[in-house]
């Protein structure tokens, strides 16, 4: 009976050893596999938020934006000393403020744009630097500029700048921090200090708010800042009155626009040497940036009749035009 017990025990030990041998050690993903997983996770996200700093063309900048899966982006961009909210939708960029990097694309119209009353969004790509930043933070831009062609990365455990546990992948062009667990969302991308990677140096992009719903509105009050599309800004080139009589004077004003096209309201006035209005008339004329138009009306009134019949002397012609779309 004792022998039986010992044999039975031996059999149990043998089975236990055999059972342990059937469990293989866990496989560790390679840096290439982790990077591929992070890249896949990025394009699979319905939305994410990026907070970043960078240097481009010697200017420091920052961006805070929500990125959608389809490549649309909305947020605030700062380059140098200027800043503007922006929307990038369907390949078109809109800026809310006339920051320096916005007006650099239309310097001849920048002053005029600053006087538009309706405070529109500006449909313009902005400066080359603004274009580069917005392109970079789209899912496609991140893939091509910062995630592709990095086949010699090393990995180790660490934390990103926000203190989140991360797997850090590193090579000569910088580091990519991933969530340790699947789906390995990208938490942060950095480049070394003063090393130019593409157009950027000192790059630090931090990602969060994964799949958080985003309110995305494409602006509707929009102006394209070119001479054809701006609201019309009228000015008078010249004023000339014809032959006058006691019943009044017929005047002509040549009207052009600095930008845009539309119908101008023109007032022609006759004054005496003391700048007292003797007669006036108002008319409308269509004008455009490409050609001048002539507004014509006959200035008359009791003051003119009295001056003509009883006073006489020197009189002056003047013309003004309204610009209702502008503050001045």
C-alpha atoms as a PDB file:
ATOM      1  CA  UNK A   1       0.000   0.000   0.000  1.00  0.00           C
ATOM      2  CA  UNK A   2       2.874   2.382   0.811  1.00  0.00           C
ATOM      3  CA  UNK A   3       4.417   1.744  -2.612  1.00  0.00           C
ATOM      4  CA  UNK A   4       1.146   2.525  -4.241  1.00  0.00           C
ATOM      5  CA  UNK A   5       1.020   5.869  -2.544  1.00  0.00           C
ATOM      6  CA  UNK A   6       4.513   6.739  -3.671  1.00  0.00           C
ATOM      7  CA  UNK A   7       3.850   5.825  -7.290  1.00  0.00           C
ATOM      8  CA  UNK A   8       0.624   7.759  -7.299  1.00  0.00           C
ATOM      9  CA  UNK A   9       2.412  10.801  -5.904  1.00  0.00           C
ATOM     10  CA  UNK A  10       5.084  10.480  -8.533  1.00  0.00           C
ATOM     11  CA  UNK A  11       2.510  10.381 -11.230  1.00  0.00           C
ATOM     12  CA  UNK A  12       0.955  13.573  -9.849  1.00  0.00           C
ATOM     13  CA  UNK A  13       4.324  15.371  -9.904  1.00  0.00           C
ATOM     14  CA  UNK A  14       4.937  14.221 -13.429  1.00  0.00           C
ATOM     15  CA  UNK A  15       1.586  15.511 -14.597  1.00  0.00           C
ATOM     16  CA  UNK A  16       2.130  18.847 -12.923  1.00  0.00           C
ATOM     17  CA  UNK A  17       5.442  19.317 -14.711  1.00  0.00           C
ATOM     18  CA  UNK A  18       3.873  18.391 -18.004  1.00  0.00           C
ATOM     19  CA  UNK A  19       1.084  20.888 -17.406  1.00  0.00           C
ATOM     20  CA  UNK A  20       3.555  23.775 -16.793  1.00  0.00           C
ATOM     21  CA  UNK A  21       5.366  23.001 -20.005  1.00  0.00           C
ATOM     22  CA  UNK A  22       2.259  23.668 -22.094  1.00  0.00           C
ATOM     23  CA  UNK A  23       2.158  27.457 -21.266  1.00  0.00           C
ATOM     24  CA  UNK A  24       4.408  29.417 -23.672  1.00  0.00           C
ATOM     25  CA  UNK A  25       6.040  32.704 -22.535  1.00  0.00           C
ATOM     26  CA  UNK A  26       4.219  35.937 -23.548  1.00  0.00           C
ATOM     27  CA  UNK A  27       5.518  37.455 -26.819  1.00  0.00           C
ATOM     28  CA  UNK A  28       6.829  41.061 -26.659  1.00  0.00           C
ATOM     29  CA  UNK A  29       5.897  43.203 -29.648  1.00  0.00           C
ATOM     30  CA  UNK A  30       8.816  44.726 -31.557  1.00  0.00           C
ATOM     31  CA  UNK A  31       9.193  48.507 -31.995  1.00  0.00           C
ATOM     32  CA  UNK A  32       8.085  48.153 -35.607  1.00  0.00           C
ATOM     33  CA  UNK A  33       4.953  46.272 -34.551  1.00  0.00           C
ATOM     34  CA  UNK A  34       4.154  48.814 -31.856  1.00  0.00           C
ATOM     35  CA  UNK A  35       4.644  51.719 -34.265  1.00  0.00           C
ATOM     36  CA  UNK A  36       2.382  50.016 -36.797  1.00  0.00           C
ATOM     37  CA  UNK A  37      -0.238  49.504 -34.099  1.00  0.00           C
ATOM     38  CA  UNK A  38      -0.010  53.159 -33.037  1.00  0.00           C
ATOM     39  CA  UNK A  39      -0.307  54.336 -36.627  1.00  0.00           C
ATOM     40  CA  UNK A  40      -3.334  52.122 -37.167  1.00  0.00           C
ATOM     41  CA  UNK A  41      -4.912  53.355 -33.930  1.00  0.00           C
ATOM     42  CA  UNK A  42      -4.439  56.982 -35.004  1.00  0.00           C
ATOM     43  CA  UNK A  43      -6.303  56.620 -38.288  1.00  0.00           C
ATOM     44  CA  UNK A  44      -9.022  54.566 -36.580  1.00  0.00           C
ATOM     45  CA  UNK A  45      -9.856  57.314 -34.085  1.00  0.00           C
ATOM     46  CA  UNK A  46     -13.036  59.247 -34.788  1.00  0.00           C
ATOM     47  CA  UNK A  47     -11.415  62.240 -33.107  1.00  0.00           C
ATOM     48  CA  UNK A  48      -8.512  63.268 -30.922  1.00  0.00           C
ATOM     49  CA  UNK A  49      -7.136  66.481 -29.489  1.00  0.00           C
ATOM     50  CA  UNK A  50      -3.575  67.683 -29.995  1.00  0.00           C
ATOM     51  CA  UNK A  51      -1.698  70.235 -27.916  1.00  0.00           C
ATOM     52  CA  UNK A  52       1.647  71.138 -29.419  1.00  0.00           C
ATOM     53  CA  UNK A  53       4.617  73.454 -29.537  1.00  0.00           C
ATOM     54  CA  UNK A  54       7.129  73.842 -32.353  1.00  0.00           C
ATOM     55  CA  UNK A  55       9.653  76.032 -34.109  1.00  0.00           C
ATOM     56  CA  UNK A  56       9.290  76.732 -37.819  1.00  0.00           C
ATOM     57  CA  UNK A  57      11.422  79.098 -39.906  1.00  0.00           C
ATOM     58  CA  UNK A  58      12.928  80.455 -36.706  1.00  0.00           C
ATOM     59  CA  UNK A  59       9.537  81.305 -35.176  1.00  0.00           C
ATOM     60  CA  UNK A  60       8.096  79.599 -32.140  1.00  0.00           C
ATOM     61  CA  UNK A  61       4.499  78.489 -32.212  1.00  0.00           C
ATOM     62  CA  UNK A  62       1.785  76.445 -30.591  1.00  0.00           C
ATOM     63  CA  UNK A  63      -1.417  74.718 -31.581  1.00  0.00           C
ATOM     64  CA  UNK A  64      -4.465  73.377 -29.760  1.00  0.00           C
ATOM     65  CA  UNK A  65      -6.815  71.531 -32.064  1.00  0.00           C
ATOM     66  CA  UNK A  66      -9.347  68.770 -32.445  1.00  0.00           C
ATOM     67  CA  UNK A  67      -8.611  66.372 -35.299  1.00  0.00           C
ATOM     68  CA  UNK A  68     -11.346  64.368 -37.009  1.00  0.00           C
ATOM     69  CA  UNK A  69     -10.919  61.030 -38.722  1.00  0.00           C
ATOM     70  CA  UNK A  70     -11.713  62.516 -42.138  1.00  0.00           C
ATOM     71  CA  UNK A  71      -8.817  64.983 -41.835  1.00  0.00           C
ATOM     72  CA  UNK A  72     -10.816  68.039 -40.815  1.00  0.00           C
ATOM     73  CA  UNK A  73      -9.305  70.083 -37.980  1.00  0.00           C
ATOM     74  CA  UNK A  74     -10.536  72.928 -35.760  1.00  0.00           C
ATOM     75  CA  UNK A  75      -8.615  74.824 -33.105  1.00  0.00           C
ATOM     76  CA  UNK A  76      -6.309  77.753 -32.421  1.00  0.00           C
ATOM     77  CA  UNK A  77      -2.944  78.381 -34.060  1.00  0.00           C
ATOM     78  CA  UNK A  78      -0.174  80.632 -32.770  1.00  0.00           C
ATOM     79  CA  UNK A  79       2.924  81.496 -34.817  1.00  0.00           C
ATOM     80  CA  UNK A  80       5.347  84.131 -33.652  1.00  0.00           C
ATOM     81  CA  UNK A  81       3.420  86.802 -31.786  1.00  0.00           C
ATOM     82  CA  UNK A  82       0.038  86.351 -33.482  1.00  0.00           C
ATOM     83  CA  UNK A  83      -2.832  83.925 -33.028  1.00  0.00           C
ATOM     84  CA  UNK A  84      -6.093  82.926 -34.662  1.00  0.00           C
ATOM     85  CA  UNK A  85      -8.807  80.303 -34.325  1.00  0.00           C
ATOM     86  CA  UNK A  86      -9.042  78.232 -37.495  1.00  0.00           C
ATOM     87  CA  UNK A  87     -11.115  75.596 -39.220  1.00  0.00           C
ATOM     88  CA  UNK A  88      -9.708  73.238 -41.840  1.00  0.00           C
ATOM     89  CA  UNK A  89     -12.559  71.492 -43.648  1.00  0.00           C
ATOM     90  CA  UNK A  90     -12.564  69.610 -46.928  1.00  0.00           C
ATOM     91  CA  UNK A  91      -9.157  70.958 -47.853  1.00  0.00           C
ATOM     92  CA  UNK A  92     -10.090  74.621 -47.248  1.00  0.00           C
ATOM     93  CA  UNK A  93      -8.757  76.713 -44.364  1.00  0.00           C
ATOM     94  CA  UNK A  94     -10.688  79.463 -42.588  1.00  0.00           C
ATOM     95  CA  UNK A  95      -9.185  81.893 -40.054  1.00  0.00           C
ATOM     96  CA  UNK A  96     -11.191  84.029 -37.657  1.00  0.00           C
ATOM     97  CA  UNK A  97      -8.563  86.652 -36.879  1.00  0.00           C
ATOM     98  CA  UNK A  98      -6.284  88.689 -39.146  1.00  0.00           C
ATOM     99  CA  UNK A  99      -3.090  87.370 -37.589  1.00  0.00           C
ATOM    100  CA  UNK A 100       0.198  88.124 -39.325  1.00  0.00           C
ATOM    101  CA  UNK A 101       0.393  84.593 -40.700  1.00  0.00           C
ATOM    102  CA  UNK A 102      -3.109  85.076 -42.137  1.00  0.00           C
ATOM    103  CA  UNK A 103      -2.638  88.457 -43.850  1.00  0.00           C
ATOM    104  CA  UNK A 104       0.775  87.542 -45.279  1.00  0.00           C
ATOM    105  CA  UNK A 105      -1.106  85.956 -48.159  1.00  0.00           C
ATOM    106  CA  UNK A 106      -2.823  89.253 -49.104  1.00  0.00           C
ATOM    107  CA  UNK A 107      -0.615  92.135 -47.900  1.00  0.00           C
ATOM    108  CA  UNK A 108      -2.149  94.679 -50.298  1.00  0.00           C
ATOM    109  CA  UNK A 109      -5.616  94.080 -48.840  1.00  0.00           C
ATOM    110  CA  UNK A 110      -4.682  93.595 -45.183  1.00  0.00           C
ATOM    111  CA  UNK A 111      -5.612  97.125 -44.109  1.00  0.00           C
ATOM    112  CA  UNK A 112      -8.913  97.005 -45.966  1.00  0.00           C
ATOM    113  CA  UNK A 113      -9.708  93.579 -44.513  1.00  0.00           C
ATOM    114  CA  UNK A 114      -9.209  94.981 -41.024  1.00  0.00           C
ATOM    115  CA  UNK A 115     -12.043  97.466 -41.617  1.00  0.00           C
ATOM    116  CA  UNK A 116     -14.727  95.005 -42.738  1.00  0.00           C
ATOM    117  CA  UNK A 117     -17.727  95.452 -40.422  1.00  0.00           C
ATOM    118  CA  UNK A 118     -19.160  91.966 -40.331  1.00  0.00           C
ATOM    119  CA  UNK A 119     -16.092  90.364 -38.704  1.00  0.00           C
ATOM    120  CA  UNK A 120     -16.056  87.426 -41.118  1.00  0.00           C
ATOM    121  CA  UNK A 121     -13.897  84.334 -41.203  1.00  0.00           C
ATOM    122  CA  UNK A 122     -11.204  84.557 -43.869  1.00  0.00           C
ATOM    123  CA  UNK A 123     -11.017  81.813 -46.483  1.00  0.00           C
ATOM    124  CA  UNK A 124      -7.270  81.640 -47.092  1.00  0.00           C
ATOM    125  CA  UNK A 125      -4.500  79.080 -46.539  1.00  0.00           C
ATOM    126  CA  UNK A 126      -2.388  81.637 -44.700  1.00  0.00           C
ATOM    127  CA  UNK A 127       1.395  81.760 -44.739  1.00  0.00           C
ATOM    128  CA  UNK A 128       3.621  78.845 -45.743  1.00  0.00           C
ATOM    129  CA  UNK A 129       4.221  78.222 -42.034  1.00  0.00           C
ATOM    130  CA  UNK A 130       0.499  78.081 -41.262  1.00  0.00           C
ATOM    131  CA  UNK A 131      -0.058  75.700 -44.150  1.00  0.00           C
ATOM    132  CA  UNK A 132       2.741  73.437 -42.897  1.00  0.00           C
ATOM    133  CA  UNK A 133       1.403  73.283 -39.326  1.00  0.00           C
ATOM    134  CA  UNK A 134      -2.175  72.526 -40.316  1.00  0.00           C
ATOM    135  CA  UNK A 135      -1.052  69.881 -42.799  1.00  0.00           C
ATOM    136  CA  UNK A 136       1.197  68.294 -40.163  1.00  0.00           C
ATOM    137  CA  UNK A 137      -1.562  67.728 -37.604  1.00  0.00           C
ATOM    138  CA  UNK A 138      -3.986  65.980 -39.941  1.00  0.00           C
ATOM    139  CA  UNK A 139      -3.929  62.168 -39.642  1.00  0.00           C
ATOM    140  CA  UNK A 140      -2.320  61.909 -43.073  1.00  0.00           C
ATOM    141  CA  UNK A 141       0.236  64.571 -42.261  1.00  0.00           C
ATOM    142  CA  UNK A 142       1.265  62.880 -39.030  1.00  0.00           C
ATOM    143  CA  UNK A 143       1.631  59.568 -40.824  1.00  0.00           C
ATOM    144  CA  UNK A 144       3.822  60.879 -43.626  1.00  0.00           C
ATOM    145  CA  UNK A 145       5.933  63.365 -41.648  1.00  0.00           C
ATOM    146  CA  UNK A 146       6.438  61.673 -38.287  1.00  0.00           C
ATOM    147  CA  UNK A 147       5.414  58.008 -38.376  1.00  0.00           C
ATOM    148  CA  UNK A 148       6.680  56.652 -41.705  1.00  0.00           C
ATOM    149  CA  UNK A 149      10.130  55.274 -42.488  1.00  0.00           C
ATOM    150  CA  UNK A 150      11.235  54.818 -38.868  1.00  0.00           C
ATOM    151  CA  UNK A 151      12.615  51.290 -38.954  1.00  0.00           C
ATOM    152  CA  UNK A 152      15.422  51.562 -36.377  1.00  0.00           C
ATOM    153  CA  UNK A 153      13.571  52.480 -33.218  1.00  0.00           C
ATOM    154  CA  UNK A 154      14.285  51.164 -29.747  1.00  0.00           C
ATOM    155  CA  UNK A 155      11.715  50.793 -27.006  1.00  0.00           C
ATOM    156  CA  UNK A 156      11.487  51.110 -23.263  1.00  0.00           C
ATOM    157  CA  UNK A 157       8.868  51.825 -20.636  1.00  0.00           C
ATOM    158  CA  UNK A 158       8.431  55.406 -19.534  1.00  0.00           C
ATOM    159  CA  UNK A 159       5.997  58.280 -19.154  1.00  0.00           C
ATOM    160  CA  UNK A 160       4.928  61.023 -21.513  1.00  0.00           C
ATOM    161  CA  UNK A 161       5.051  64.738 -20.641  1.00  0.00           C
ATOM    162  CA  UNK A 162       1.620  64.475 -19.016  1.00  0.00           C
ATOM    163  CA  UNK A 163       2.787  61.724 -16.696  1.00  0.00           C
ATOM    164  CA  UNK A 164       0.887  58.943 -18.430  1.00  0.00           C
ATOM    165  CA  UNK A 165       2.457  55.500 -18.480  1.00  0.00           C
ATOM    166  CA  UNK A 166       3.798  54.842 -21.957  1.00  0.00           C
ATOM    167  CA  UNK A 167       5.950  52.704 -24.189  1.00  0.00           C
ATOM    168  CA  UNK A 168       8.608  54.997 -25.598  1.00  0.00           C
ATOM    169  CA  UNK A 169       9.923  54.348 -29.110  1.00  0.00           C
ATOM    170  CA  UNK A 170      13.071  56.318 -29.926  1.00  0.00           C
ATOM    171  CA  UNK A 171      15.412  56.902 -32.864  1.00  0.00           C
ATOM    172  CA  UNK A 172      17.650  59.720 -34.062  1.00  0.00           C
ATOM    173  CA  UNK A 173      14.680  61.892 -35.106  1.00  0.00           C
ATOM    174  CA  UNK A 174      12.861  61.744 -31.788  1.00  0.00           C
ATOM    175  CA  UNK A 175      10.444  59.750 -29.662  1.00  0.00           C
ATOM    176  CA  UNK A 176       6.937  58.402 -29.986  1.00  0.00           C
ATOM    177  CA  UNK A 177       5.040  57.558 -26.796  1.00  0.00           C
ATOM    178  CA  UNK A 178       2.326  54.910 -27.033  1.00  0.00           C
ATOM    179  CA  UNK A 179      -0.258  53.552 -24.632  1.00  0.00           C
ATOM    180  CA  UNK A 180       1.266  50.314 -23.228  1.00  0.00           C
ATOM    181  CA  UNK A 181      -1.942  48.380 -23.862  1.00  0.00           C
ATOM    182  CA  UNK A 182      -3.810  47.820 -27.112  1.00  0.00           C
ATOM    183  CA  UNK A 183      -4.857  49.690 -29.204  1.00  0.00           C
ATOM    184  CA  UNK A 184      -1.597  51.575 -28.408  1.00  0.00           C
ATOM    185  CA  UNK A 185      -2.925  55.063 -29.060  1.00  0.00           C
ATOM    186  CA  UNK A 186      -0.192  57.624 -29.676  1.00  0.00           C
ATOM    187  CA  UNK A 187       0.191  59.818 -26.598  1.00  0.00           C
ATOM    188  CA  UNK A 188       3.029  62.114 -27.629  1.00  0.00           C
ATOM    189  CA  UNK A 189       5.510  62.768 -30.446  1.00  0.00           C
ATOM    190  CA  UNK A 190       8.714  64.742 -29.854  1.00  0.00           C
ATOM    191  CA  UNK A 191      11.799  65.682 -31.835  1.00  0.00           C
ATOM    192  CA  UNK A 192      15.248  66.508 -30.417  1.00  0.00           C
ATOM    193  CA  UNK A 193      16.090  70.099 -29.528  1.00  0.00           C
ATOM    194  CA  UNK A 194      17.206  72.142 -32.559  1.00  0.00           C
ATOM    195  CA  UNK A 195      17.110  69.168 -34.941  1.00  0.00           C
ATOM    196  CA  UNK A 196      15.202  69.954 -38.121  1.00  0.00           C
ATOM    197  CA  UNK A 197      12.658  67.252 -38.924  1.00  0.00           C
ATOM    198  CA  UNK A 198      10.875  68.244 -42.103  1.00  0.00           C
ATOM    199  CA  UNK A 199       9.976  71.915 -41.605  1.00  0.00           C
ATOM    200  CA  UNK A 200       9.999  71.719 -37.817  1.00  0.00           C
ATOM    201  CA  UNK A 201      12.333  71.646 -34.852  1.00  0.00           C
ATOM    202  CA  UNK A 202      11.650  71.462 -31.107  1.00  0.00           C
ATOM    203  CA  UNK A 203       8.399  69.673 -31.874  1.00  0.00           C
ATOM    204  CA  UNK A 204       6.238  68.337 -29.063  1.00  0.00           C
ATOM    205  CA  UNK A 205       2.725  67.076 -29.854  1.00  0.00           C
ATOM    206  CA  UNK A 206       0.581  65.656 -27.040  1.00  0.00           C
ATOM    207  CA  UNK A 207      -2.581  63.707 -27.872  1.00  0.00           C
ATOM    208  CA  UNK A 208      -5.609  63.112 -25.667  1.00  0.00           C
ATOM    209  CA  UNK A 209      -9.422  63.157 -25.690  1.00  0.00           C
ATOM    210  CA  UNK A 210      -9.551  60.017 -27.820  1.00  0.00           C
ATOM    211  CA  UNK A 211     -12.937  59.612 -29.571  1.00  0.00           C
ATOM    212  CA  UNK A 212     -14.449  62.478 -27.588  1.00  0.00           C
ATOM    213  CA  UNK A 213     -17.349  64.071 -29.539  1.00  0.00           C
ATOM    214  CA  UNK A 214     -16.296  67.307 -31.266  1.00  0.00           C
ATOM    215  CA  UNK A 215     -18.535  70.231 -32.248  1.00  0.00           C
ATOM    216  CA  UNK A 216     -17.405  71.083 -35.758  1.00  0.00           C
ATOM    217  CA  UNK A 217     -18.943  73.997 -37.636  1.00  0.00           C
ATOM    218  CA  UNK A 218     -17.741  75.225 -41.003  1.00  0.00           C
ATOM    219  CA  UNK A 219     -17.950  79.044 -40.994  1.00  0.00           C
ATOM    220  CA  UNK A 220     -20.739  80.608 -43.039  1.00  0.00           C
ATOM    221  CA  UNK A 221     -19.882  84.313 -42.716  1.00  0.00           C
ATOM    222  CA  UNK A 222     -16.828  84.031 -44.948  1.00  0.00           C
ATOM    223  CA  UNK A 223     -14.794  86.390 -47.125  1.00  0.00           C
ATOM    224  CA  UNK A 224     -12.143  85.371 -49.628  1.00  0.00           C
ATOM    225  CA  UNK A 225      -9.480  88.100 -49.409  1.00  0.00           C
ATOM    226  CA  UNK A 226      -8.864  88.921 -53.073  1.00  0.00           C
ATOM    227  CA  UNK A 227      -9.813  91.973 -55.118  1.00  0.00           C
ATOM    228  CA  UNK A 228     -12.703  90.209 -56.821  1.00  0.00           C
ATOM    229  CA  UNK A 229     -14.309  88.682 -53.718  1.00  0.00           C
ATOM    230  CA  UNK A 230     -13.950  91.332 -51.005  1.00  0.00           C
ATOM    231  CA  UNK A 231     -16.980  93.451 -50.120  1.00  0.00           C
ATOM    232  CA  UNK A 232     -16.958  96.497 -52.423  1.00  0.00           C
ATOM    233  CA  UNK A 233     -14.990  99.462 -51.149  1.00  0.00           C
ATOM    234  CA  UNK A 234     -15.867 102.514 -53.266  1.00  0.00           C
ATOM    235  CA  UNK A 235     -13.937 105.699 -53.812  1.00  0.00           C
ATOM    236  CA  UNK A 236     -14.435 108.748 -56.015  1.00  0.00           C
ATOM    237  CA  UNK A 237     -11.801 109.372 -58.635  1.00  0.00           C
ATOM    238  CA  UNK A 238     -13.073 112.760 -59.789  1.00  0.00           C
ATOM    239  CA  UNK A 239     -16.075 115.114 -59.589  1.00  0.00           C
ATOM    240  CA  UNK A 240     -17.106 117.467 -62.367  1.00  0.00           C
ATOM    241  CA  UNK A 241     -20.151 119.693 -62.713  1.00  0.00           C
ATOM    242  CA  UNK A 242     -21.496 120.876 -66.030  1.00  0.00           C
ATOM    243  CA  UNK A 243     -23.140 124.147 -66.907  1.00  0.00           C
ATOM    244  CA  UNK A 244     -25.044 125.599 -63.961  1.00  0.00           C
ATOM    245  CA  UNK A 245     -28.156 127.768 -63.832  1.00  0.00           C
ATOM    246  CA  UNK A 246     -30.592 128.977 -61.234  1.00  0.00           C
ATOM    247  CA  UNK A 247     -32.324 125.622 -61.357  1.00  0.00           C
ATOM    248  CA  UNK A 248     -29.198 123.731 -60.355  1.00  0.00           C
ATOM    249  CA  UNK A 249     -26.068 122.021 -61.651  1.00  0.00           C
ATOM    250  CA  UNK A 250     -25.655 118.604 -63.239  1.00  0.00           C
ATOM    251  CA  UNK A 251     -22.681 116.797 -61.744  1.00  0.00           C
ATOM    252  CA  UNK A 252     -20.693 113.728 -62.680  1.00  0.00           C
ATOM    253  CA  UNK A 253     -18.557 111.589 -60.350  1.00  0.00           C
ATOM    254  CA  UNK A 254     -16.278 108.809 -61.554  1.00  0.00           C
ATOM    255  CA  UNK A 255     -16.463 105.941 -59.028  1.00  0.00           C
ATOM    256  CA  UNK A 256     -14.169 102.933 -58.720  1.00  0.00           C
ATOM    257  CA  UNK A 257     -13.576 100.291 -56.065  1.00  0.00           C
ATOM    258  CA  UNK A 258     -10.406  99.307 -54.275  1.00  0.00           C
ATOM    259  CA  UNK A 259     -11.811  95.781 -54.189  1.00  0.00           C
ATOM    260  CA  UNK A 260     -15.073  94.036 -54.934  1.00  0.00           C
ATOM    261  CA  UNK A 261     -18.029  95.082 -57.054  1.00  0.00           C
ATOM    262  CA  UNK A 262     -21.427  96.501 -56.176  1.00  0.00           C
ATOM    263  CA  UNK A 263     -23.830  99.430 -56.285  1.00  0.00           C
ATOM    264  CA  UNK A 264     -22.543 102.667 -54.793  1.00  0.00           C
ATOM    265  CA  UNK A 265     -24.612 105.471 -53.264  1.00  0.00           C
ATOM    266  CA  UNK A 266     -23.060 108.777 -54.351  1.00  0.00           C
ATOM    267  CA  UNK A 267     -23.833 112.260 -53.033  1.00  0.00           C
ATOM    268  CA  UNK A 268     -22.792 115.354 -54.982  1.00  0.00           C
ATOM    269  CA  UNK A 269     -22.701 118.672 -53.147  1.00  0.00           C
ATOM    270  CA  UNK A 270     -22.235 122.363 -53.997  1.00  0.00           C
ATOM    271  CA  UNK A 271     -20.909 124.647 -51.234  1.00  0.00           C
ATOM    272  CA  UNK A 272     -20.024 128.316 -50.978  1.00  0.00           C
ATOM    273  CA  UNK A 273     -16.758 129.812 -49.765  1.00  0.00           C
ATOM    274  CA  UNK A 274     -17.902 129.429 -46.146  1.00  0.00           C
ATOM    275  CA  UNK A 275     -18.496 125.708 -46.745  1.00  0.00           C
ATOM    276  CA  UNK A 276     -22.258 126.129 -46.492  1.00  0.00           C
ATOM    277  CA  UNK A 277     -24.200 123.588 -48.554  1.00  0.00           C
ATOM    278  CA  UNK A 278     -26.079 125.315 -51.355  1.00  0.00           C
ATOM    279  CA  UNK A 279     -27.352 122.251 -53.215  1.00  0.00           C
ATOM    280  CA  UNK A 280     -26.958 118.491 -53.330  1.00  0.00           C
ATOM    281  CA  UNK A 281     -28.235 115.356 -55.011  1.00  0.00           C
ATOM    282  CA  UNK A 282     -27.882 111.618 -54.482  1.00  0.00           C
ATOM    283  CA  UNK A 283     -27.745 108.792 -56.991  1.00  0.00           C
ATOM    284  CA  UNK A 284     -26.505 105.229 -57.365  1.00  0.00           C
ATOM    285  CA  UNK A 285     -24.117 103.593 -59.798  1.00  0.00           C
ATOM    286  CA  UNK A 286     -22.639 100.146 -60.252  1.00  0.00           C
ATOM    287  CA  UNK A 287     -18.872 100.018 -59.911  1.00  0.00           C
ATOM    288  CA  UNK A 288     -16.141  97.404 -59.853  1.00  0.00           C
ATOM    289  CA  UNK A 289     -12.427  97.028 -59.180  1.00  0.00           C
ATOM    290  CA  UNK A 290     -11.745  96.523 -62.877  1.00  0.00           C
ATOM    291  CA  UNK A 291     -13.385  99.637 -64.328  1.00  0.00           C
ATOM    292  CA  UNK A 292     -14.706 103.017 -63.241  1.00  0.00           C
ATOM    293  CA  UNK A 293     -18.327 104.132 -63.608  1.00  0.00           C
ATOM    294  CA  UNK A 294     -19.855 107.589 -63.780  1.00  0.00           C
ATOM    295  CA  UNK A 295     -22.596 108.664 -61.376  1.00  0.00           C
ATOM    296  CA  UNK A 296     -24.745 111.580 -62.593  1.00  0.00           C
ATOM    297  CA  UNK A 297     -27.351 113.701 -60.834  1.00  0.00           C
ATOM    298  CA  UNK A 298     -28.584 117.317 -60.756  1.00  0.00           C
ATOM    299  CA  UNK A 299     -27.901 119.299 -57.584  1.00  0.00           C
ATOM    300  CA  UNK A 300     -30.534 121.923 -56.795  1.00  0.00           C
ATOM    301  CA  UNK A 301     -32.520 123.547 -54.001  1.00  0.00           C
ATOM    302  CA  UNK A 302     -33.789 126.850 -52.629  1.00  0.00           C
ATOM    303  CA  UNK A 303     -30.419 127.728 -51.132  1.00  0.00           C
ATOM    304  CA  UNK A 304     -28.803 127.425 -54.517  1.00  0.00           C
ATOM    305  CA  UNK A 305     -31.509 129.467 -56.215  1.00  0.00           C
ATOM    306  CA  UNK A 306     -31.104 132.269 -53.667  1.00  0.00           C
ATOM    307  CA  UNK A 307     -27.335 132.233 -53.930  1.00  0.00           C
ATOM    308  CA  UNK A 308     -27.467 132.190 -57.710  1.00  0.00           C
ATOM    309  CA  UNK A 309     -30.014 134.971 -58.009  1.00  0.00           C
ATOM    310  CA  UNK A 310     -28.984 137.236 -55.150  1.00  0.00           C
ATOM    311  CA  UNK A 311     -25.507 136.521 -53.791  1.00  0.00           C
ATOM    312  CA  UNK A 312     -23.115 134.931 -56.256  1.00  0.00           C
ATOM    313  CA  UNK A 313     -19.424 134.363 -55.799  1.00  0.00           C
ATOM    314  CA  UNK A 314     -17.221 131.308 -55.644  1.00  0.00           C
ATOM    315  CA  UNK A 315     -18.718 127.863 -55.240  1.00  0.00           C
ATOM    316  CA  UNK A 316     -17.224 124.393 -54.943  1.00  0.00           C
ATOM    317  CA  UNK A 317     -18.138 120.896 -56.033  1.00  0.00           C
ATOM    318  CA  UNK A 318     -17.621 117.786 -53.931  1.00  0.00           C
ATOM    319  CA  UNK A 319     -18.657 114.180 -53.949  1.00  0.00           C
ATOM    320  CA  UNK A 320     -18.870 111.433 -51.321  1.00  0.00           C
ATOM    321  CA  UNK A 321     -19.614 107.734 -51.579  1.00  0.00           C
ATOM    322  CA  UNK A 322     -20.938 105.394 -48.899  1.00  0.00           C
ATOM    323  CA  UNK A 323     -19.116 102.231 -47.854  1.00  0.00           C
ATOM    324  CA  UNK A 324     -21.641 100.394 -45.678  1.00  0.00           C
ATOM    325  CA  UNK A 325     -19.527  97.229 -45.461  1.00  0.00           C
ATOM    326  CA  UNK A 326     -16.623  99.002 -43.776  1.00  0.00           C
ATOM    327  CA  UNK A 327     -15.989 100.865 -40.540  1.00  0.00           C
ATOM    328  CA  UNK A 328     -14.150 103.676 -42.308  1.00  0.00           C
END
